[in-house]
Amino acid sequence: MSRICEITGKKMIVGNKVSHSNIKTKRRFYPNLQTKKFYIPEEDKWITLKVSTSAIRNINKKGISACIKEAREKGFLKV
């Protein structure tokens, strides 16, 4: 499975690793992804999502239904 947040769309970005002697080599920065189960009361079912920790904070703030609706509109969630 890919390392992309299903709510916010966060994914890997590329940057440079800089050594003490200032030599730059390419490296990857991965998002902090967690696999979590969420309960959707409107549909009366559990859903498992791979979400970033910032998405978990958004879900706690807005609610799972609003976040899923937003993610579907933006095309991040295919469910």
C-alpha atoms as a PDB file:
ATOM      1  CA  MET A   1       0.000   0.000   0.000  1.00  0.00           C
ATOM      2  CA  SER A   2       1.283   3.478  -0.796  1.00  0.00           C
ATOM      3  CA  ARG A   3       2.459   5.913   1.846  1.00  0.00           C
ATOM      4  CA  ILE A   4      -0.228   8.531   1.239  1.00  0.00           C
ATOM      5  CA  CYS A   5      -2.687   9.901   3.804  1.00  0.00           C
ATOM      6  CA  GLU A   6      -6.241   9.059   2.760  1.00  0.00           C
ATOM      7  CA  ILE A   7      -7.701  12.208   4.356  1.00  0.00           C
ATOM      8  CA  THR A   8      -5.206  15.015   3.653  1.00  0.00           C
ATOM      9  CA  GLY A   9      -3.324  13.543   0.677  1.00  0.00           C
ATOM     10  CA  LYS A  10       0.064  14.032   2.330  1.00  0.00           C
ATOM     11  CA  LYS A  11       2.806  11.983   0.706  1.00  0.00           C
ATOM     12  CA  MET A  12       6.552  11.602   0.519  1.00  0.00           C
ATOM     13  CA  ILE A  13       8.632  14.635  -0.441  1.00  0.00           C
ATOM     14  CA  VAL A  14      12.246  14.698  -1.584  1.00  0.00           C
ATOM     15  CA  GLY A  15      14.988  16.811  -0.108  1.00  0.00           C
ATOM     16  CA  ASN A  16      18.695  16.835   0.609  1.00  0.00           C
ATOM     17  CA  LYS A  17      20.632  15.187   3.404  1.00  0.00           C
ATOM     18  CA  VAL A  18      23.401  17.632   4.280  1.00  0.00           C
ATOM     19  CA  SER A  19      26.523  16.260   5.929  1.00  0.00           C
ATOM     20  CA  HIS A  20      28.908  18.112   8.239  1.00  0.00           C
ATOM     21  CA  SER A  21      31.128  18.820   5.228  1.00  0.00           C
ATOM     22  CA  ASN A  22      28.072  20.240   3.393  1.00  0.00           C
ATOM     23  CA  ILE A  23      27.820  17.372   0.875  1.00  0.00           C
ATOM     24  CA  LYS A  24      24.239  17.019  -0.316  1.00  0.00           C
ATOM     25  CA  THR A  25      22.657  13.669  -1.134  1.00  0.00           C
ATOM     26  CA  LYS A  26      19.030  13.012  -1.952  1.00  0.00           C
ATOM     27  CA  ARG A  27      16.740  11.633   0.766  1.00  0.00           C
ATOM     28  CA  ARG A  28      13.023  11.132   1.353  1.00  0.00           C
ATOM     29  CA  PHE A  29      10.781  12.700   3.967  1.00  0.00           C
ATOM     30  CA  TYR A  30       7.823  10.436   4.777  1.00  0.00           C
ATOM     31  CA  PRO A  31       4.607  11.613   6.461  1.00  0.00           C
ATOM     32  CA  ASN A  32       3.822  10.268   9.937  1.00  0.00           C
ATOM     33  CA  LEU A  33       1.148   7.746   8.900  1.00  0.00           C
ATOM     34  CA  GLN A  34      -0.908   5.620  11.285  1.00  0.00           C
ATOM     35  CA  THR A  35      -3.429   2.895  10.489  1.00  0.00           C
ATOM     36  CA  LYS A  36      -6.571   3.705  12.485  1.00  0.00           C
ATOM     37  CA  LYS A  37     -10.125   2.391  12.700  1.00  0.00           C
ATOM     38  CA  PHE A  38     -12.901   4.973  12.861  1.00  0.00           C
ATOM     39  CA  TYR A  39     -16.592   4.461  13.605  1.00  0.00           C
ATOM     40  CA  ILE A  40     -19.047   6.198  11.284  1.00  0.00           C
ATOM     41  CA  PRO A  41     -22.370   6.521  13.144  1.00  0.00           C
ATOM     42  CA  GLU A  42     -24.362   7.598  10.059  1.00  0.00           C
ATOM     43  CA  GLU A  43     -23.505   4.363   8.242  1.00  0.00           C
ATOM     44  CA  ASP A  44     -23.236   2.305  11.466  1.00  0.00           C
ATOM     45  CA  LYS A  45     -19.911   0.751  10.443  1.00  0.00           C
ATOM     46  CA  TRP A  46     -16.182   0.833  11.151  1.00  0.00           C
ATOM     47  CA  ILE A  47     -13.689   1.991   8.521  1.00  0.00           C
ATOM     48  CA  THR A  48      -9.911   1.492   8.524  1.00  0.00           C
ATOM     49  CA  LEU A  49      -7.876   4.383   7.135  1.00  0.00           C
ATOM     50  CA  LYS A  50      -4.184   5.122   6.753  1.00  0.00           C
ATOM     51  CA  VAL A  51      -4.015   8.702   8.036  1.00  0.00           C
ATOM     52  CA  SER A  52      -1.342  11.175   9.076  1.00  0.00           C
ATOM     53  CA  THR A  53      -1.233  12.444  12.641  1.00  0.00           C
ATOM     54  CA  SER A  54      -2.354  15.879  11.464  1.00  0.00           C
ATOM     55  CA  ALA A  55      -5.391  14.209   9.855  1.00  0.00           C
ATOM     56  CA  ILE A  56      -6.201  12.545  13.198  1.00  0.00           C
ATOM     57  CA  ARG A  57      -6.216  16.011  14.770  1.00  0.00           C
ATOM     58  CA  ASN A  58      -8.549  17.262  12.002  1.00  0.00           C
ATOM     59  CA  ILE A  59     -10.881  14.312  12.583  1.00  0.00           C
ATOM     60  CA  ASN A  60     -10.977  15.068  16.306  1.00  0.00           C
ATOM     61  CA  LYS A  61     -11.797  18.706  15.524  1.00  0.00           C
ATOM     62  CA  LYS A  62     -14.299  18.418  12.629  1.00  0.00           C
ATOM     63  CA  GLY A  63     -15.587  14.860  12.961  1.00  0.00           C
ATOM     64  CA  ILE A  64     -15.018  11.796  10.807  1.00  0.00           C
ATOM     65  CA  SER A  65     -18.038  12.358   8.529  1.00  0.00           C
ATOM     66  CA  ALA A  66     -16.983  15.888   7.555  1.00  0.00           C
ATOM     67  CA  CYS A  67     -13.380  14.806   6.915  1.00  0.00           C
ATOM     68  CA  ILE A  68     -14.427  11.838   4.764  1.00  0.00           C
ATOM     69  CA  LYS A  69     -16.774  14.042   2.745  1.00  0.00           C
ATOM     70  CA  GLU A  70     -13.977  16.585   2.210  1.00  0.00           C
ATOM     71  CA  ALA A  71     -11.488  13.862   1.195  1.00  0.00           C
ATOM     72  CA  ARG A  72     -13.936  12.388  -1.335  1.00  0.00           C
ATOM     73  CA  GLU A  73     -14.493  15.832  -2.903  1.00  0.00           C
ATOM     74  CA  LYS A  74     -10.733  16.356  -3.252  1.00  0.00           C
ATOM     75  CA  GLY A  75     -10.253  12.837  -4.635  1.00  0.00           C
ATOM     76  CA  PHE A  76      -8.022  11.477  -1.849  1.00  0.00           C
ATOM     77  CA  LEU A  77     -10.470   8.822  -0.663  1.00  0.00           C
ATOM     78  CA  LYS A  78     -11.877   6.372  -3.199  1.00  0.00           C
ATOM     79  CA  VAL A  79     -14.356   4.624  -0.849  1.00  0.00           C
END
